[in-house]
């Protein structure tokens, strides 16, 4: 039953991302599809806590490397924000701790409430 719920959440997330991807993509080339694919392994950590998996940390590092310009960081921020919104049980403290737990100086906050327009 839990697996079905996780799959359902991922399907809903994919539909939401497809609906808003065109609006969020910038010229820099970072897409919500790329961000989502790399951050999907972090869902269990972000919703249940504990320690992030190696795949999650690899995804965080990849997203961090993709978002080099201000426009790319804003796009990635908006993608992360949109991806986080469907998860009512997302733990804000886990999201804030994720970069340090993965030994990454992430230049994009993971938050449902961040104003991505302030990212530089």
PDB file of N, CA and C in Angstrom:
ATOM      1  N   UNK A   1       0.821  -1.195   0.000  1.00  0.00           N
ATOM      2  CA  UNK A   1       0.000   0.000   0.000  1.00  0.00           C
ATOM      3  C   UNK A   1       0.867   1.261   0.000  1.00  0.00           C
ATOM      4  N   UNK A   2       1.963   1.207   0.801  1.00  0.00           N
ATOM      5  CA  UNK A   2       2.856   2.359   0.875  1.00  0.00           C
ATOM      6  C   UNK A   2       3.516   2.621  -0.478  1.00  0.00           C
ATOM      7  N   UNK A   3       3.885   1.548  -1.179  1.00  0.00           N
ATOM      8  CA  UNK A   3       4.515   1.694  -2.493  1.00  0.00           C
ATOM      9  C   UNK A   3       3.547   2.331  -3.485  1.00  0.00           C
ATOM     10  N   UNK A   4       2.285   1.964  -3.410  1.00  0.00           N
ATOM     11  CA  UNK A   4       1.277   2.540  -4.304  1.00  0.00           C
ATOM     12  C   UNK A   4       1.138   4.031  -4.035  1.00  0.00           C
ATOM     13  N   UNK A   5       1.151   4.405  -2.757  1.00  0.00           N
ATOM     14  CA  UNK A   5       1.038   5.816  -2.399  1.00  0.00           C
ATOM     15  C   UNK A   5       2.236   6.604  -2.918  1.00  0.00           C
ATOM     16  N   UNK A   6       3.421   6.032  -2.805  1.00  0.00           N
ATOM     17  CA  UNK A   6       4.627   6.719  -3.287  1.00  0.00           C
ATOM     18  C   UNK A   6       4.567   6.882  -4.797  1.00  0.00           C
ATOM     19  N   UNK A   7       4.160   5.834  -5.497  1.00  0.00           N
ATOM     20  CA  UNK A   7       4.050   5.913  -6.954  1.00  0.00           C
ATOM     21  C   UNK A   7       3.017   6.963  -7.341  1.00  0.00           C
ATOM     22  N   UNK A   8       1.890   6.986  -6.643  1.00  0.00           N
ATOM     23  CA  UNK A   8       0.853   7.968  -6.929  1.00  0.00           C
ATOM     24  C   UNK A   8       1.372   9.390  -6.727  1.00  0.00           C
ATOM     25  N   UNK A   9       2.115   9.607  -5.651  1.00  0.00           N
ATOM     26  CA  UNK A   9       2.682  10.933  -5.390  1.00  0.00           C
ATOM     27  C   UNK A   9       3.649  11.322  -6.507  1.00  0.00           C
ATOM     28  N   UNK A  10       4.475  10.379  -6.956  1.00  0.00           N
ATOM     29  CA  UNK A  10       5.421  10.669  -8.033  1.00  0.00           C
ATOM     30  C   UNK A  10       4.705  10.986  -9.343  1.00  0.00           C
ATOM     31  N   UNK A  11       3.612  10.287  -9.621  1.00  0.00           N
ATOM     32  CA  UNK A  11       2.836  10.565 -10.828  1.00  0.00           C
ATOM     33  C   UNK A  11       2.237  11.960 -10.758  1.00  0.00           C
ATOM     34  N   UNK A  12       1.675  12.308  -9.612  1.00  0.00           N
ATOM     35  CA  UNK A  12       1.097  13.642  -9.442  1.00  0.00           C
ATOM     36  C   UNK A  12       2.185  14.697  -9.598  1.00  0.00           C
ATOM     37  N   UNK A  13       3.337  14.442  -9.003  1.00  0.00           N
ATOM     38  CA  UNK A  13       4.458  15.374  -9.126  1.00  0.00           C
ATOM     39  C   UNK A  13       4.860  15.554 -10.583  1.00  0.00           C
ATOM     40  N   UNK A  14       4.932  14.477 -11.329  1.00  0.00           N
ATOM     41  CA  UNK A  14       5.309  14.562 -12.749  1.00  0.00           C
ATOM     42  C   UNK A  14       4.292  15.372 -13.542  1.00  0.00           C
ATOM     43  N   UNK A  15       3.020  15.165 -13.276  1.00  0.00           N
ATOM     44  CA  UNK A  15       1.974  15.906 -13.987  1.00  0.00           C
ATOM     45  C   UNK A  15       2.078  17.397 -13.673  1.00  0.00           C
ATOM     46  N   UNK A  16       2.272  17.720 -12.402  1.00  0.00           N
ATOM     47  CA  UNK A  16       2.396  19.126 -12.006  1.00  0.00           C
ATOM     48  C   UNK A  16       3.611  19.749 -12.683  1.00  0.00           C
ATOM     49  N   UNK A  17       4.715  19.020 -12.706  1.00  0.00           N
ATOM     50  CA  UNK A  17       5.923  19.554 -13.315  1.00  0.00           C
ATOM     51  C   UNK A  17       5.747  19.775 -14.811  1.00  0.00           C
ATOM     52  N   UNK A  18       5.092  18.858 -15.482  1.00  0.00           N
ATOM     53  CA  UNK A  18       4.851  19.036 -16.909  1.00  0.00           C
ATOM     54  C   UNK A  18       3.969  20.249 -17.176  1.00  0.00           C
ATOM     55  N   UNK A  19       3.023  20.480 -16.301  1.00  0.00           N
ATOM     56  CA  UNK A  19       2.101  21.601 -16.484  1.00  0.00           C
ATOM     57  C   UNK A  19       2.801  22.945 -16.331  1.00  0.00           C
ATOM     58  N   UNK A  20       3.815  23.011 -15.450  1.00  0.00           N
ATOM     59  CA  UNK A  20       4.452  24.307 -15.208  1.00  0.00           C
ATOM     60  C   UNK A  20       5.860  24.415 -15.782  1.00  0.00           C
ATOM     61  N   UNK A  21       6.377  23.346 -16.351  1.00  0.00           N
ATOM     62  CA  UNK A  21       7.764  23.350 -16.826  1.00  0.00           C
ATOM     63  C   UNK A  21       8.037  24.448 -17.842  1.00  0.00           C
ATOM     64  N   UNK A  22       7.138  24.657 -18.772  1.00  0.00           N
ATOM     65  CA  UNK A  22       7.350  25.678 -19.792  1.00  0.00           C
ATOM     66  C   UNK A  22       7.462  27.068 -19.199  1.00  0.00           C
ATOM     67  N   UNK A  23       6.730  27.334 -18.144  1.00  0.00           N
ATOM     68  CA  UNK A  23       6.761  28.636 -17.498  1.00  0.00           C
ATOM     69  C   UNK A  23       8.047  28.841 -16.699  1.00  0.00           C
ATOM     70  N   UNK A  24       8.590  27.765 -16.158  1.00  0.00           N
ATOM     71  CA  UNK A  24       9.731  27.895 -15.265  1.00  0.00           C
ATOM     72  C   UNK A  24      11.090  27.830 -15.963  1.00  0.00           C
ATOM     73  N   UNK A  25      11.148  27.228 -17.128  1.00  0.00           N
ATOM     74  CA  UNK A  25      12.437  27.054 -17.780  1.00  0.00           C
ATOM     75  C   UNK A  25      12.994  28.395 -18.254  1.00  0.00           C
ATOM     76  N   UNK A  26      14.280  28.556 -18.068  1.00  0.00           N
ATOM     77  CA  UNK A  26      14.972  29.772 -18.479  1.00  0.00           C
ATOM     78  C   UNK A  26      15.934  29.415 -19.609  1.00  0.00           C
ATOM     79  N   UNK A  27      16.581  30.398 -20.172  1.00  0.00           N
ATOM     80  CA  UNK A  27      17.519  30.179 -21.262  1.00  0.00           C
ATOM     81  C   UNK A  27      18.720  29.354 -20.843  1.00  0.00           C
ATOM     82  N   UNK A  28      19.067  29.351 -19.562  1.00  0.00           N
ATOM     83  CA  UNK A  28      20.264  28.669 -19.088  1.00  0.00           C
ATOM     84  C   UNK A  28      20.274  27.177 -19.338  1.00  0.00           C
ATOM     85  N   UNK A  29      19.138  26.576 -19.562  1.00  0.00           N
ATOM     86  CA  UNK A  29      19.113  25.170 -19.878  1.00  0.00           C
ATOM     87  C   UNK A  29      18.729  24.265 -18.727  1.00  0.00           C
ATOM     88  N   UNK A  30      18.637  24.746 -17.502  1.00  0.00           N
ATOM     89  CA  UNK A  30      18.187  23.921 -16.385  1.00  0.00           C
ATOM     90  C   UNK A  30      16.682  23.726 -16.538  1.00  0.00           C
ATOM     91  N   UNK A  31      16.239  22.478 -16.453  1.00  0.00           N
ATOM     92  CA  UNK A  31      14.813  22.203 -16.564  1.00  0.00           C
ATOM     93  C   UNK A  31      14.303  21.555 -15.289  1.00  0.00           C
ATOM     94  N   UNK A  32      13.012  21.692 -15.060  1.00  0.00           N
ATOM     95  CA  UNK A  32      12.405  21.054 -13.900  1.00  0.00           C
ATOM     96  C   UNK A  32      12.518  19.535 -14.008  1.00  0.00           C
ATOM     97  N   UNK A  33      12.474  19.021 -15.218  1.00  0.00           N
ATOM     98  CA  UNK A  33      12.645  17.580 -15.393  1.00  0.00           C
ATOM     99  C   UNK A  33      14.002  17.110 -14.886  1.00  0.00           C
ATOM    100  N   UNK A  34      15.054  17.880 -15.190  1.00  0.00           N
ATOM    101  CA  UNK A  34      16.394  17.537 -14.713  1.00  0.00           C
ATOM    102  C   UNK A  34      16.471  17.635 -13.195  1.00  0.00           C
ATOM    103  N   UNK A  35      15.936  18.714 -12.652  1.00  0.00           N
ATOM    104  CA  UNK A  35      15.971  18.918 -11.202  1.00  0.00           C
ATOM    105  C   UNK A  35      15.193  17.798 -10.506  1.00  0.00           C
ATOM    106  N   UNK A  36      13.991  17.520 -10.998  1.00  0.00           N
ATOM    107  CA  UNK A  36      13.159  16.472 -10.397  1.00  0.00           C
ATOM    108  C   UNK A  36      13.843  15.107 -10.442  1.00  0.00           C
ATOM    109  N   UNK A  37      14.409  14.772 -11.591  1.00  0.00           N
ATOM    110  CA  UNK A  37      15.059  13.467 -11.733  1.00  0.00           C
ATOM    111  C   UNK A  37      16.206  13.311 -10.740  1.00  0.00           C
ATOM    112  N   UNK A  38      16.929  14.385 -10.521  1.00  0.00           N
ATOM    113  CA  UNK A  38      18.061  14.315  -9.606  1.00  0.00           C
ATOM    114  C   UNK A  38      17.653  14.358  -8.138  1.00  0.00           C
ATOM    115  N   UNK A  39      16.526  14.991  -7.840  1.00  0.00           N
ATOM    116  CA  UNK A  39      16.102  15.134  -6.446  1.00  0.00           C
ATOM    117  C   UNK A  39      15.121  14.048  -5.988  1.00  0.00           C
ATOM    118  N   UNK A  40      14.570  13.272  -6.902  1.00  0.00           N
ATOM    119  CA  UNK A  40      13.624  12.216  -6.533  1.00  0.00           C
ATOM    120  C   UNK A  40      14.179  11.260  -5.478  1.00  0.00           C
ATOM    121  N   UNK A  41      15.457  10.880  -5.536  1.00  0.00           N
ATOM    122  CA  UNK A  41      15.967   9.981  -4.491  1.00  0.00           C
ATOM    123  C   UNK A  41      15.953  10.596  -3.081  1.00  0.00           C
ATOM    124  N   UNK A  42      15.710  11.890  -2.978  1.00  0.00           N
ATOM    125  CA  UNK A  42      15.712  12.563  -1.679  1.00  0.00           C
ATOM    126  C   UNK A  42      14.335  12.589  -1.016  1.00  0.00           C
ATOM    127  N   UNK A  43      13.297  12.138  -1.722  1.00  0.00           N
ATOM    128  CA  UNK A  43      11.941  12.266  -1.201  1.00  0.00           C
ATOM    129  C   UNK A  43      11.788  11.572   0.149  1.00  0.00           C
ATOM    130  N   UNK A  44      12.288  10.352   0.278  1.00  0.00           N
ATOM    131  CA  UNK A  44      12.109   9.648   1.556  1.00  0.00           C
ATOM    132  C   UNK A  44      12.839  10.370   2.691  1.00  0.00           C
ATOM    133  N   UNK A  45      14.031  10.870   2.432  1.00  0.00           N
ATOM    134  CA  UNK A  45      14.748  11.638   3.462  1.00  0.00           C
ATOM    135  C   UNK A  45      13.970  12.897   3.827  1.00  0.00           C
ATOM    136  N   UNK A  46      13.491  13.616   2.835  1.00  0.00           N
ATOM    137  CA  UNK A  46      12.808  14.890   3.085  1.00  0.00           C
ATOM    138  C   UNK A  46      11.460  14.722   3.782  1.00  0.00           C
ATOM    139  N   UNK A  47      10.845  13.567   3.642  1.00  0.00           N
ATOM    140  CA  UNK A  47       9.534  13.345   4.265  1.00  0.00           C
ATOM    141  C   UNK A  47       9.615  12.507   5.533  1.00  0.00           C
ATOM    142  N   UNK A  48      10.666  11.694   5.675  1.00  0.00           N
ATOM    143  CA  UNK A  48      10.755  10.803   6.833  1.00  0.00           C
ATOM    144  C   UNK A  48      11.937  11.098   7.739  1.00  0.00           C
ATOM    145  N   UNK A  49      12.914  11.866   7.255  1.00  0.00           N
ATOM    146  CA  UNK A  49      14.094  12.166   8.059  1.00  0.00           C
ATOM    147  C   UNK A  49      15.134  11.065   7.940  1.00  0.00           C
ATOM    148  N   UNK A  50      16.004  11.002   8.912  1.00  0.00           N
ATOM    149  CA  UNK A  50      17.088  10.023   8.887  1.00  0.00           C
ATOM    150  C   UNK A  50      18.293  10.585   8.174  1.00  0.00           C
ATOM    151  N   UNK A  51      18.894   9.771   7.339  1.00  0.00           N
ATOM    152  CA  UNK A  51      20.066  10.176   6.571  1.00  0.00           C
ATOM    153  C   UNK A  51      19.749  10.096   5.081  1.00  0.00           C
ATOM    154  N   UNK A  52      20.207  11.066   4.301  1.00  0.00           N
ATOM    155  CA  UNK A  52      19.982  10.992   2.855  1.00  0.00           C
ATOM    156  C   UNK A  52      20.810   9.861   2.248  1.00  0.00           C
ATOM    157  N   UNK A  53      20.263   9.235   1.223  1.00  0.00           N
ATOM    158  CA  UNK A  53      20.969   8.155   0.535  1.00  0.00           C
ATOM    159  C   UNK A  53      22.106   8.710  -0.314  1.00  0.00           C
ATOM    160  N   UNK A  54      22.980   7.825  -0.742  1.00  0.00           N
ATOM    161  CA  UNK A  54      24.068   8.225  -1.643  1.00  0.00           C
ATOM    162  C   UNK A  54      23.493   8.774  -2.945  1.00  0.00           C
ATOM    163  N   UNK A  55      22.406   8.166  -3.435  1.00  0.00           N
ATOM    164  CA  UNK A  55      21.772   8.639  -4.673  1.00  0.00           C
ATOM    165  C   UNK A  55      21.201  10.035  -4.479  1.00  0.00           C
ATOM    166  N   UNK A  56      20.642  10.298  -3.318  1.00  0.00           N
ATOM    167  CA  UNK A  56      20.114  11.633  -3.015  1.00  0.00           C
ATOM    168  C   UNK A  56      21.250  12.655  -3.047  1.00  0.00           C
ATOM    169  N   UNK A  57      22.326  12.367  -2.344  1.00  0.00           N
ATOM    170  CA  UNK A  57      23.451  13.306  -2.294  1.00  0.00           C
ATOM    171  C   UNK A  57      24.073  13.515  -3.676  1.00  0.00           C
ATOM    172  N   UNK A  58      24.112  12.468  -4.464  1.00  0.00           N
ATOM    173  CA  UNK A  58      24.611  12.601  -5.832  1.00  0.00           C
ATOM    174  C   UNK A  58      23.713  13.552  -6.620  1.00  0.00           C
ATOM    175  N   UNK A  59      22.409  13.430  -6.447  1.00  0.00           N
ATOM    176  CA  UNK A  59      21.463  14.315  -7.112  1.00  0.00           C
ATOM    177  C   UNK A  59      21.611  15.760  -6.681  1.00  0.00           C
ATOM    178  N   UNK A  60      21.812  15.975  -5.382  1.00  0.00           N
ATOM    179  CA  UNK A  60      22.013  17.333  -4.862  1.00  0.00           C
ATOM    180  C   UNK A  60      23.254  17.951  -5.502  1.00  0.00           C
ATOM    181  N   UNK A  61      24.320  17.171  -5.578  1.00  0.00           N
ATOM    182  CA  UNK A  61      25.562  17.659  -6.189  1.00  0.00           C
ATOM    183  C   UNK A  61      25.358  17.981  -7.667  1.00  0.00           C
ATOM    184  N   UNK A  62      24.600  17.151  -8.359  1.00  0.00           N
ATOM    185  CA  UNK A  62      24.338  17.378  -9.782  1.00  0.00           C
ATOM    186  C   UNK A  62      23.532  18.656  -9.987  1.00  0.00           C
ATOM    187  N   UNK A  63      22.470  18.821  -9.213  1.00  0.00           N
ATOM    188  CA  UNK A  63      21.644  20.033  -9.326  1.00  0.00           C
ATOM    189  C   UNK A  63      22.484  21.261  -9.018  1.00  0.00           C
ATOM    190  N   UNK A  64      23.300  21.190  -8.006  1.00  0.00           N
ATOM    191  CA  UNK A  64      24.158  22.318  -7.651  1.00  0.00           C
ATOM    192  C   UNK A  64      25.086  22.682  -8.804  1.00  0.00           C
ATOM    193  N   UNK A  65      25.624  21.677  -9.478  1.00  0.00           N
ATOM    194  CA  UNK A  65      26.520  21.926 -10.605  1.00  0.00           C
ATOM    195  C   UNK A  65      25.814  22.457 -11.840  1.00  0.00           C
ATOM    196  N   UNK A  66      24.526  22.119 -12.005  1.00  0.00           N
ATOM    197  CA  UNK A  66      23.771  22.583 -13.172  1.00  0.00           C
ATOM    198  C   UNK A  66      23.416  24.058 -13.059  1.00  0.00           C
ATOM    199  N   UNK A  67      23.243  24.537 -11.846  1.00  0.00           N
ATOM    200  CA  UNK A  67      22.736  25.895 -11.621  1.00  0.00           C
ATOM    201  C   UNK A  67      23.892  26.844 -11.368  1.00  0.00           C
ATOM    202  N   UNK A  68      24.555  27.256 -12.443  1.00  0.00           N
ATOM    203  CA  UNK A  68      25.732  28.112 -12.310  1.00  0.00           C
ATOM    204  C   UNK A  68      25.401  29.601 -12.402  1.00  0.00           C
ATOM    205  N   UNK A  69      24.511  29.977 -13.291  1.00  0.00           N
ATOM    206  CA  UNK A  69      24.173  31.396 -13.442  1.00  0.00           C
ATOM    207  C   UNK A  69      23.002  31.754 -12.538  1.00  0.00           C
ATOM    208  N   UNK A  70      22.760  33.041 -12.365  1.00  0.00           N
ATOM    209  CA  UNK A  70      21.638  33.501 -11.550  1.00  0.00           C
ATOM    210  C   UNK A  70      20.313  33.003 -12.123  1.00  0.00           C
ATOM    211  N   UNK A  71      20.153  33.054 -13.441  1.00  0.00           N
ATOM    212  CA  UNK A  71      18.916  32.569 -14.066  1.00  0.00           C
ATOM    213  C   UNK A  71      18.733  31.067 -13.834  1.00  0.00           C
ATOM    214  N   UNK A  72      19.809  30.315 -13.934  1.00  0.00           N
ATOM    215  CA  UNK A  72      19.728  28.874 -13.693  1.00  0.00           C
ATOM    216  C   UNK A  72      19.385  28.579 -12.242  1.00  0.00           C
ATOM    217  N   UNK A  73      19.955  29.337 -11.310  1.00  0.00           N
ATOM    218  CA  UNK A  73      19.636  29.156  -9.885  1.00  0.00           C
ATOM    219  C   UNK A  73      18.176  29.496  -9.611  1.00  0.00           C
ATOM    220  N   UNK A  74      17.665  30.564 -10.229  1.00  0.00           N
ATOM    221  CA  UNK A  74      16.256  30.924 -10.051  1.00  0.00           C
ATOM    222  C   UNK A  74      15.348  29.835 -10.605  1.00  0.00           C
ATOM    223  N   UNK A  75      15.694  29.307 -11.769  1.00  0.00           N
ATOM    224  CA  UNK A  75      14.901  28.228 -12.359  1.00  0.00           C
ATOM    225  C   UNK A  75      14.919  27.006 -11.460  1.00  0.00           C
ATOM    226  N   UNK A  76      16.104  26.595 -11.022  1.00  0.00           N
ATOM    227  CA  UNK A  76      16.213  25.427 -10.147  1.00  0.00           C
ATOM    228  C   UNK A  76      15.456  25.655  -8.839  1.00  0.00           C
ATOM    229  N   UNK A  77      15.533  26.856  -8.301  1.00  0.00           N
ATOM    230  CA  UNK A  77      14.803  27.202  -7.082  1.00  0.00           C
ATOM    231  C   UNK A  77      13.307  27.031  -7.288  1.00  0.00           C
ATOM    232  N   UNK A  78      12.777  27.581  -8.389  1.00  0.00           N
ATOM    233  CA  UNK A  78      11.349  27.447  -8.692  1.00  0.00           C
ATOM    234  C   UNK A  78      10.960  25.984  -8.887  1.00  0.00           C
ATOM    235  N   UNK A  79      11.828  25.210  -9.518  1.00  0.00           N
ATOM    236  CA  UNK A  79      11.552  23.786  -9.717  1.00  0.00           C
ATOM    237  C   UNK A  79      11.510  23.058  -8.373  1.00  0.00           C
ATOM    238  N   UNK A  80      12.472  23.337  -7.508  1.00  0.00           N
ATOM    239  CA  UNK A  80      12.499  22.706  -6.186  1.00  0.00           C
ATOM    240  C   UNK A  80      11.276  23.099  -5.368  1.00  0.00           C
ATOM    241  N   UNK A  81      10.917  24.361  -5.448  1.00  0.00           N
ATOM    242  CA  UNK A  81       9.741  24.851  -4.711  1.00  0.00           C
ATOM    243  C   UNK A  81       8.469  24.156  -5.208  1.00  0.00           C
ATOM    244  N   UNK A  82       8.318  24.066  -6.514  1.00  0.00           N
ATOM    245  CA  UNK A  82       7.141  23.415  -7.087  1.00  0.00           C
ATOM    246  C   UNK A  82       7.123  21.923  -6.745  1.00  0.00           C
ATOM    247  N   UNK A  83       8.286  21.301  -6.754  1.00  0.00           N
ATOM    248  CA  UNK A  83       8.358  19.873  -6.440  1.00  0.00           C
ATOM    249  C   UNK A  83       8.070  19.612  -4.967  1.00  0.00           C
ATOM    250  N   UNK A  84       8.420  20.540  -4.103  1.00  0.00           N
ATOM    251  CA  UNK A  84       8.207  20.366  -2.658  1.00  0.00           C
ATOM    252  C   UNK A  84       6.761  20.596  -2.261  1.00  0.00           C
ATOM    253  N   UNK A  85       6.049  21.457  -2.958  1.00  0.00           N
ATOM    254  CA  UNK A  85       4.691  21.832  -2.555  1.00  0.00           C
ATOM    255  C   UNK A  85       3.712  20.675  -2.398  1.00  0.00           C
ATOM    256  N   UNK A  86       3.728  19.649  -3.246  1.00  0.00           N
ATOM    257  CA  UNK A  86       2.761  18.562  -3.063  1.00  0.00           C
ATOM    258  C   UNK A  86       2.977  17.731  -1.788  1.00  0.00           C
ATOM    259  N   UNK A  87       4.132  17.855  -1.168  1.00  0.00           N
ATOM    260  CA  UNK A  87       4.455  17.041   0.000  1.00  0.00           C
ATOM    261  C   UNK A  87       4.151  17.804   1.287  1.00  0.00           C
ATOM    262  N   UNK A  88       2.945  17.609   1.795  1.00  0.00           N
ATOM    263  CA  UNK A  88       2.547  18.272   3.036  1.00  0.00           C
ATOM    264  C   UNK A  88       3.420  17.810   4.204  1.00  0.00           C
ATOM    265  N   UNK A  89       3.973  16.596   4.102  1.00  0.00           N
ATOM    266  CA  UNK A  89       4.782  16.054   5.189  1.00  0.00           C
ATOM    267  C   UNK A  89       6.276  16.306   4.994  1.00  0.00           C
ATOM    268  N   UNK A  90       6.640  17.189   4.059  1.00  0.00           N
ATOM    269  CA  UNK A  90       8.045  17.532   3.864  1.00  0.00           C
ATOM    270  C   UNK A  90       8.557  18.229   5.114  1.00  0.00           C
ATOM    271  N   UNK A  91       9.655  17.749   5.618  1.00  0.00           N
ATOM    272  CA  UNK A  91      10.232  18.302   6.855  1.00  0.00           C
ATOM    273  C   UNK A  91      11.175  19.443   6.485  1.00  0.00           C
ATOM    274  N   UNK A  92      10.789  20.650   6.885  1.00  0.00           N
ATOM    275  CA  UNK A  92      11.599  21.824   6.549  1.00  0.00           C
ATOM    276  C   UNK A  92      13.004  21.722   7.126  1.00  0.00           C
ATOM    277  N   UNK A  93      13.131  21.178   8.348  1.00  0.00           N
ATOM    278  CA  UNK A  93      14.459  21.047   8.941  1.00  0.00           C
ATOM    279  C   UNK A  93      15.323  20.062   8.151  1.00  0.00           C
ATOM    280  N   UNK A  94      14.715  19.008   7.628  1.00  0.00           N
ATOM    281  CA  UNK A  94      15.460  18.052   6.799  1.00  0.00           C
ATOM    282  C   UNK A  94      15.899  18.716   5.502  1.00  0.00           C
ATOM    283  N   UNK A  95      15.014  19.521   4.903  1.00  0.00           N
ATOM    284  CA  UNK A  95      15.352  20.224   3.659  1.00  0.00           C
ATOM    285  C   UNK A  95      16.511  21.185   3.883  1.00  0.00           C
ATOM    286  N   UNK A  96      16.482  21.902   4.993  1.00  0.00           N
ATOM    287  CA  UNK A  96      17.554  22.858   5.278  1.00  0.00           C
ATOM    288  C   UNK A  96      18.870  22.148   5.588  1.00  0.00           C
ATOM    289  N   UNK A  97      18.802  20.953   6.173  1.00  0.00           N
ATOM    290  CA  UNK A  97      20.014  20.216   6.541  1.00  0.00           C
ATOM    291  C   UNK A  97      20.588  19.403   5.381  1.00  0.00           C
ATOM    292  N   UNK A  98      19.803  19.197   4.331  1.00  0.00           N
ATOM    293  CA  UNK A  98      20.228  18.329   3.237  1.00  0.00           C
ATOM    294  C   UNK A  98      21.586  18.705   2.640  1.00  0.00           C
ATOM    295  N   UNK A  99      21.826  19.962   2.287  1.00  0.00           N
ATOM    296  CA  UNK A  99      23.139  20.274   1.702  1.00  0.00           C
ATOM    297  C   UNK A  99      24.305  19.904   2.620  1.00  0.00           C
ATOM    298  N   UNK A 100      24.212  20.234   3.897  1.00  0.00           N
ATOM    299  CA  UNK A 100      25.333  19.922   4.791  1.00  0.00           C
ATOM    300  C   UNK A 100      25.468  18.412   4.993  1.00  0.00           C
ATOM    301  N   UNK A 101      24.342  17.690   5.044  1.00  0.00           N
ATOM    302  CA  UNK A 101      24.416  16.232   5.191  1.00  0.00           C
ATOM    303  C   UNK A 101      25.053  15.591   3.966  1.00  0.00           C
ATOM    304  N   UNK A 102      24.952  16.247   2.813  1.00  0.00           N
ATOM    305  CA  UNK A 102      25.557  15.739   1.581  1.00  0.00           C
ATOM    306  C   UNK A 102      26.903  16.389   1.294  1.00  0.00           C
ATOM    307  N   UNK A 103      27.394  17.197   2.232  1.00  0.00           N
ATOM    308  CA  UNK A 103      28.681  17.879   2.087  1.00  0.00           C
ATOM    309  C   UNK A 103      28.727  18.731   0.825  1.00  0.00           C
ATOM    310  N   UNK A 104      27.642  19.471   0.587  1.00  0.00           N
ATOM    311  CA  UNK A 104      27.529  20.336  -0.579  1.00  0.00           C
ATOM    312  C   UNK A 104      27.181  21.740  -0.106  1.00  0.00           C
ATOM    313  N   UNK A 105      27.840  22.712  -0.667  1.00  0.00           N
ATOM    314  CA  UNK A 105      27.471  24.101  -0.417  1.00  0.00           C
ATOM    315  C   UNK A 105      26.452  24.480  -1.488  1.00  0.00           C
ATOM    316  N   UNK A 106      25.193  24.133  -1.242  1.00  0.00           N
ATOM    317  CA  UNK A 106      24.132  24.326  -2.230  1.00  0.00           C
ATOM    318  C   UNK A 106      23.798  25.803  -2.351  1.00  0.00           C
ATOM    319  N   UNK A 107      23.812  26.300  -3.572  1.00  0.00           N
ATOM    320  CA  UNK A 107      23.547  27.718  -3.802  1.00  0.00           C
ATOM    321  C   UNK A 107      22.071  27.973  -4.101  1.00  0.00           C
ATOM    322  N   UNK A 108      21.221  26.980  -3.796  1.00  0.00           N
ATOM    323  CA  UNK A 108      19.781  27.103  -4.021  1.00  0.00           C
ATOM    324  C   UNK A 108      19.076  26.577  -2.771  1.00  0.00           C
ATOM    325  N   UNK A 109      18.220  27.364  -2.152  1.00  0.00           N
ATOM    326  CA  UNK A 109      17.503  26.855  -0.982  1.00  0.00           C
ATOM    327  C   UNK A 109      16.425  25.848  -1.386  1.00  0.00           C
ATOM    328  N   UNK A 110      16.180  24.878  -0.514  1.00  0.00           N
ATOM    329  CA  UNK A 110      15.098  23.915  -0.721  1.00  0.00           C
ATOM    330  C   UNK A 110      14.005  24.296   0.263  1.00  0.00           C
ATOM    331  N   UNK A 111      12.965  24.932  -0.249  1.00  0.00           N
ATOM    332  CA  UNK A 111      11.912  25.443   0.619  1.00  0.00           C
ATOM    333  C   UNK A 111      10.636  25.650  -0.178  1.00  0.00           C
ATOM    334  N   UNK A 112       9.507  25.453   0.492  1.00  0.00           N
ATOM    335  CA  UNK A 112       8.221  25.727  -0.145  1.00  0.00           C
ATOM    336  C   UNK A 112       7.874  27.206  -0.083  1.00  0.00           C
ATOM    337  N   UNK A 113       8.569  27.969   0.748  1.00  0.00           N
ATOM    338  CA  UNK A 113       8.180  29.360   0.981  1.00  0.00           C
ATOM    339  C   UNK A 113       9.171  30.386   0.456  1.00  0.00           C
ATOM    340  N   UNK A 114      10.269  29.954  -0.119  1.00  0.00           N
ATOM    341  CA  UNK A 114      11.293  30.886  -0.608  1.00  0.00           C
ATOM    342  C   UNK A 114      10.774  31.699  -1.790  1.00  0.00           C
ATOM    343  N   UNK A 115      11.176  32.949  -1.843  1.00  0.00           N
ATOM    344  CA  UNK A 115      10.898  33.791  -3.005  1.00  0.00           C
ATOM    345  C   UNK A 115      12.092  33.643  -3.937  1.00  0.00           C
ATOM    346  N   UNK A 116      11.944  32.840  -4.965  1.00  0.00           N
ATOM    347  CA  UNK A 116      13.056  32.515  -5.852  1.00  0.00           C
ATOM    348  C   UNK A 116      13.550  33.725  -6.651  1.00  0.00           C
ATOM    349  N   UNK A 117      12.752  34.769  -6.730  1.00  0.00           N
ATOM    350  CA  UNK A 117      13.169  35.981  -7.448  1.00  0.00           C
ATOM    351  C   UNK A 117      14.304  36.702  -6.718  1.00  0.00           C
ATOM    352  N   UNK A 118      14.532  36.372  -5.443  1.00  0.00           N
ATOM    353  CA  UNK A 118      15.596  37.018  -4.680  1.00  0.00           C
ATOM    354  C   UNK A 118      16.933  36.299  -4.832  1.00  0.00           C
ATOM    355  N   UNK A 119      16.934  35.163  -5.524  1.00  0.00           N
ATOM    356  CA  UNK A 119      18.167  34.392  -5.724  1.00  0.00           C
ATOM    357  C   UNK A 119      19.059  35.145  -6.710  1.00  0.00           C
ATOM    358  N   UNK A 120      20.333  35.211  -6.377  1.00  0.00           N
ATOM    359  CA  UNK A 120      21.270  35.882  -7.306  1.00  0.00           C
ATOM    360  C   UNK A 120      22.413  34.966  -7.659  1.00  0.00           C
TER     361      UNK A 120
END
